[in-house]
C-alpha atoms as a PDB file:
ATOM      1  CA  MET A   1     -32.060  82.713  59.941  1.00  0.00           C
ATOM      2  CA  LEU A   2     -35.351  82.889  61.809  1.00  0.00           C
ATOM      3  CA  VAL A   3     -36.012  79.199  61.079  1.00  0.00           C
ATOM      4  CA  GLY A   4     -32.602  78.246  62.544  1.00  0.00           C
ATOM      5  CA  ALA A   5     -33.252  80.311  65.647  1.00  0.00           C
ATOM      6  CA  LEU A   6     -36.655  78.688  66.124  1.00  0.00           C
ATOM      7  CA  THR A   7     -35.510  75.092  65.600  1.00  0.00           C
ATOM      8  CA  THR A   8     -32.036  75.008  67.154  1.00  0.00           C
ATOM      9  CA  GLY A   9     -31.826  78.148  69.256  1.00  0.00           C
ATOM     10  CA  LEU A  10     -28.774  79.230  67.251  1.00  0.00           C
ATOM     11  CA  SER A  11     -28.462  82.501  65.413  1.00  0.00           C
ATOM     12  CA  MET A  12     -25.717  84.699  64.053  1.00  0.00           C
ATOM     13  CA  PRO A  13     -24.050  87.100  66.513  1.00  0.00           C
ATOM     14  CA  SER A  14     -25.444  90.601  66.605  1.00  0.00           C
ATOM     15  CA  SER A  15     -22.299  92.474  67.644  1.00  0.00           C
ATOM     16  CA  PRO A  16     -18.956  92.918  65.880  1.00  0.00           C
ATOM     17  CA  LEU A  17     -17.181  91.963  69.130  1.00  0.00           C
ATOM     18  CA  ALA A  18     -18.717  88.487  68.931  1.00  0.00           C
ATOM     19  CA  TYR A  19     -17.235  88.031  65.452  1.00  0.00           C
ATOM     20  CA  LEU A  20     -13.822  89.197  66.654  1.00  0.00           C
ATOM     21  CA  LEU A  21     -13.840  86.953  69.733  1.00  0.00           C
ATOM     22  CA  GLY A  22     -15.297  84.121  67.643  1.00  0.00           C
ATOM     23  CA  SER A  23     -12.501  84.420  65.076  1.00  0.00           C
ATOM     24  CA  VAL A  24      -9.876  84.267  67.811  1.00  0.00           C
ATOM     25  CA  SER A  25     -11.662  81.298  69.377  1.00  0.00           C
ATOM     26  CA  VAL A  26     -11.790  79.429  66.062  1.00  0.00           C
ATOM     27  CA  ALA A  27      -8.075  80.054  65.484  1.00  0.00           C
ATOM     28  CA  LEU A  28      -7.272  78.789  68.993  1.00  0.00           C
ATOM     29  CA  GLY A  29      -9.535  75.758  68.483  1.00  0.00           C
ATOM     30  CA  VAL A  30      -7.879  74.814  65.193  1.00  0.00           C
ATOM     31  CA  SER A  31      -4.427  75.250  66.720  1.00  0.00           C
ATOM     32  CA  LEU A  32      -5.411  73.143  69.720  1.00  0.00           C
ATOM     33  CA  SER A  33      -6.798  70.434  67.448  1.00  0.00           C
ATOM     34  CA  PHE A  34      -3.478  70.317  65.591  1.00  0.00           C
ATOM     35  CA  ALA A  35      -1.481  70.253  68.826  1.00  0.00           C
ATOM     36  CA  GLY A  36      -3.555  67.377  70.218  1.00  0.00           C
ATOM     37  CA  ARG A  37      -3.227  65.316  67.046  1.00  0.00           C
ATOM     38  CA  PHE A  38       0.511  66.060  66.926  1.00  0.00           C
ATOM     39  CA  LEU A  39       0.897  64.845  70.514  1.00  0.00           C
ATOM     40  CA  MET A  40      -0.999  61.626  69.780  1.00  0.00           C
ATOM     41  CA  ASN A  41       0.950  60.955  66.593  1.00  0.00           C
ATOM     42  CA  LEU A  42       4.173  61.086  68.593  1.00  0.00           C
ATOM     43  CA  ALA A  43       3.162  57.666  69.934  1.00  0.00           C
ATOM     44  CA  ALA A  44       4.586  56.315  66.662  1.00  0.00           C
ATOM     45  CA  PHE A  45       8.080  56.720  68.124  1.00  0.00           C
ATOM     46  CA  TRP A  46       7.354  53.962  70.664  1.00  0.00           C
ATOM     47  CA  LEU A  47       4.706  51.766  69.009  1.00  0.00           C
ATOM     48  CA  LEU A  48       4.987  49.507  65.999  1.00  0.00           C
ATOM     49  CA  ASP A  49       1.401  50.373  65.034  1.00  0.00           C
ATOM     50  CA  TYR A  50       0.103  53.638  66.464  1.00  0.00           C
ATOM     51  CA  ARG A  51      -3.247  53.548  64.638  1.00  0.00           C
ATOM     52  CA  GLY A  52      -5.076  52.175  67.673  1.00  0.00           C
ATOM     53  CA  VAL A  53      -3.954  55.073  69.864  1.00  0.00           C
ATOM     54  CA  VAL A  54      -4.916  57.615  67.209  1.00  0.00           C
ATOM     55  CA  THR A  55      -8.290  55.937  66.614  1.00  0.00           C
ATOM     56  CA  LEU A  56      -9.060  55.981  70.334  1.00  0.00           C
ATOM     57  CA  TYR A  57      -8.008  59.636  70.509  1.00  0.00           C
ATOM     58  CA  MET A  58     -10.280  60.526  67.596  1.00  0.00           C
ATOM     59  CA  LEU A  59     -13.232  58.691  69.142  1.00  0.00           C
ATOM     60  CA  VAL A  60     -12.793  60.397  72.501  1.00  0.00           C
ATOM     61  CA  SER A  61     -12.289  63.793  70.869  1.00  0.00           C
ATOM     62  CA  LEU A  62     -15.441  63.426  68.758  1.00  0.00           C
ATOM     63  CA  VAL A  63     -17.527  62.937  71.886  1.00  0.00           C
ATOM     64  CA  LEU A  64     -15.819  65.244  74.387  1.00  0.00           C
ATOM     65  CA  SER A  65     -15.383  68.156  71.951  1.00  0.00           C
ATOM     66  CA  GLY A  66     -19.132  68.436  71.481  1.00  0.00           C
ATOM     67  CA  LEU A  67     -19.227  67.309  67.854  1.00  0.00           C
ATOM     68  CA  VAL A  68     -21.583  64.378  68.483  1.00  0.00           C
ATOM     69  CA  ILE A  69     -23.640  65.974  71.277  1.00  0.00           C
ATOM     70  CA  PRO A  70     -23.147  69.488  72.673  1.00  0.00           C
ATOM     71  CA  VAL A  71     -21.123  69.411  75.890  1.00  0.00           C
ATOM     72  CA  HIS A  72     -23.894  71.367  77.645  1.00  0.00           C
ATOM     73  CA  TRP A  73     -26.226  68.395  77.164  1.00  0.00           C
ATOM     74  CA  PHE A  74     -23.867  65.938  78.892  1.00  0.00           C
ATOM     75  CA  PRO A  75     -24.918  64.427  82.211  1.00  0.00           C
ATOM     76  CA  GLY A  76     -23.123  66.013  85.178  1.00  0.00           C
ATOM     77  CA  TRP A  77     -20.307  63.477  85.518  1.00  0.00           C
ATOM     78  CA  LEU A  78     -19.527  63.473  81.782  1.00  0.00           C
ATOM     79  CA  GLY A  79     -19.568  67.276  81.690  1.00  0.00           C
ATOM     80  CA  VAL A  80     -17.046  67.360  84.535  1.00  0.00           C
ATOM     81  CA  LEU A  81     -14.891  64.785  82.717  1.00  0.00           C
ATOM     82  CA  ALA A  82     -15.029  66.836  79.505  1.00  0.00           C
ATOM     83  CA  ASP A  83     -14.109  70.016  81.391  1.00  0.00           C
ATOM     84  CA  LEU A  84     -10.977  68.306  82.720  1.00  0.00           C
ATOM     85  CA  THR A  85      -9.729  67.896  79.139  1.00  0.00           C
ATOM     86  CA  PHE A  86      -8.917  70.305  76.330  1.00  0.00           C
ATOM     87  CA  PHE A  87     -11.465  68.751  73.964  1.00  0.00           C
ATOM     88  CA  PRO A  88     -14.332  71.245  74.569  1.00  0.00           C
ATOM     89  CA  SER A  89     -11.900  74.063  73.704  1.00  0.00           C
ATOM     90  CA  ILE A  90     -11.522  72.609  70.214  1.00  0.00           C
ATOM     91  CA  LEU A  91     -15.165  72.887  69.127  1.00  0.00           C
ATOM     92  CA  GLN A  92     -17.677  73.689  71.868  1.00  0.00           C
ATOM     93  CA  THR A  93     -15.968  76.911  72.942  1.00  0.00           C
ATOM     94  CA  PRO A  94     -15.820  78.416  69.424  1.00  0.00           C
ATOM     95  CA  VAL A  95     -19.470  77.480  68.892  1.00  0.00           C
ATOM     96  CA  ASP A  96     -20.467  79.076  72.201  1.00  0.00           C
ATOM     97  CA  VAL A  97     -18.572  82.275  71.433  1.00  0.00           C
ATOM     98  CA  LEU A  98     -19.749  82.584  67.825  1.00  0.00           C
ATOM     99  CA  SER A  99     -23.374  81.773  68.640  1.00  0.00           C
ATOM    100  CA  GLY A 100     -23.490  84.337  71.431  1.00  0.00           C
ATOM    101  CA  ARG A 101     -24.133  81.724  74.112  1.00  0.00           C
ATOM    102  CA  SER A 102     -21.053  83.126  75.873  1.00  0.00           C
ATOM    103  CA  GLN A 103     -20.586  86.880  75.713  1.00  0.00           C
ATOM    104  CA  GLY A 104     -18.403  89.572  77.215  1.00  0.00           C
ATOM    105  CA  THR A 105     -16.146  88.555  80.080  1.00  0.00           C
ATOM    106  CA  GLU A 106     -17.392  84.972  79.959  1.00  0.00           C
ATOM    107  CA  ALA A 107     -16.282  84.705  76.314  1.00  0.00           C
ATOM    108  CA  VAL A 108     -12.912  86.271  77.135  1.00  0.00           C
ATOM    109  CA  GLY A 109     -12.532  83.779  79.996  1.00  0.00           C
ATOM    110  CA  LEU A 110     -13.168  80.929  77.584  1.00  0.00           C
ATOM    111  CA  LEU A 111     -10.482  82.318  75.261  1.00  0.00           C
ATOM    112  CA  VAL A 112      -8.044  82.409  78.179  1.00  0.00           C
ATOM    113  CA  VAL A 113      -8.855  78.761  78.933  1.00  0.00           C
ATOM    114  CA  GLN A 114      -8.330  77.879  75.268  1.00  0.00           C
ATOM    115  CA  GLY A 115      -4.990  79.692  75.258  1.00  0.00           C
ATOM    116  CA  GLY A 116      -3.913  77.929  78.438  1.00  0.00           C
ATOM    117  CA  TRP A 117      -4.774  74.538  76.997  1.00  0.00           C
ATOM    118  CA  LEU A 118      -2.941  75.392  73.774  1.00  0.00           C
ATOM    119  CA  VAL A 119       0.231  76.310  75.659  1.00  0.00           C
ATOM    120  CA  ALA A 120      -0.015  73.170  77.820  1.00  0.00           C
ATOM    121  CA  VAL A 121      -0.573  70.765  74.907  1.00  0.00           C
ATOM    122  CA  LEU A 122       2.131  72.388  72.760  1.00  0.00           C
ATOM    123  CA  LEU A 123       4.557  72.205  75.681  1.00  0.00           C
ATOM    124  CA  ALA A 124       3.684  68.540  76.258  1.00  0.00           C
ATOM    125  CA  GLY A 125       4.201  67.853  72.550  1.00  0.00           C
ATOM    126  CA  ARG A 126       7.564  69.607  72.605  1.00  0.00           C
ATOM    127  CA  LEU A 127       8.704  67.619  75.646  1.00  0.00           C
ATOM    128  CA  VAL A 128       7.573  64.298  74.140  1.00  0.00           C
ATOM    129  CA  LEU A 129       9.220  65.162  70.807  1.00  0.00           C
ATOM    130  CA  ALA A 130      12.508  66.019  72.573  1.00  0.00           C
ATOM    131  CA  ARG A 131      12.431  62.699  74.398  1.00  0.00           C
ATOM    132  CA  ALA A 132      11.573  60.820  71.210  1.00  0.00           C
ATOM    133  CA  THR A 133      14.305  62.389  69.119  1.00  0.00           C
ATOM    134  CA  ALA A 134      16.870  61.750  71.853  1.00  0.00           C
ATOM    135  CA  ARG A 135      15.914  58.079  71.659  1.00  0.00           C
ATOM    136  CA  LEU A 136      15.805  57.909  67.840  1.00  0.00           C
ATOM    137  CA  VAL A 137      18.601  56.158  65.982  1.00  0.00           C
ATOM    138  CA  VAL A 138      18.652  56.284  62.187  1.00  0.00           C
ATOM    139  CA  GLN A 139      20.690  53.729  60.252  1.00  0.00           C
ATOM    140  CA  GLY A 140      21.649  53.914  56.637  1.00  0.00           C
ATOM    141  CA  GLY A 141      22.446  56.666  54.309  1.00  0.00           C
END
């Protein structure tokens, strides 16, 4: 653990509250990841081949979520662009909360942002699904 702290600056949280907030953040991040992928997969209702849209989504999400490079290392303009999306709430926020980079009210604020994004993306998915199923015609039987 000391080697990790010396080389990456990351260490395990020291308080039980960090584990509790981190668990909630991970659950919100996983749910948000599902909701985003669900929304993108709904493109299949309108496209003959939706793989391009999903591939582009995955590429953008890999970068803007902080998986490739931490969001905190982004240049200013890219950090602002990432903050305008829900992608950092998928991975960077849970990492920040679990690692102790964000603590206390800042961590709770990040959880509120994650929850807001989750509600917004789920609502968008529900609206797109309603529109798609209203348009869907199934033949056969």
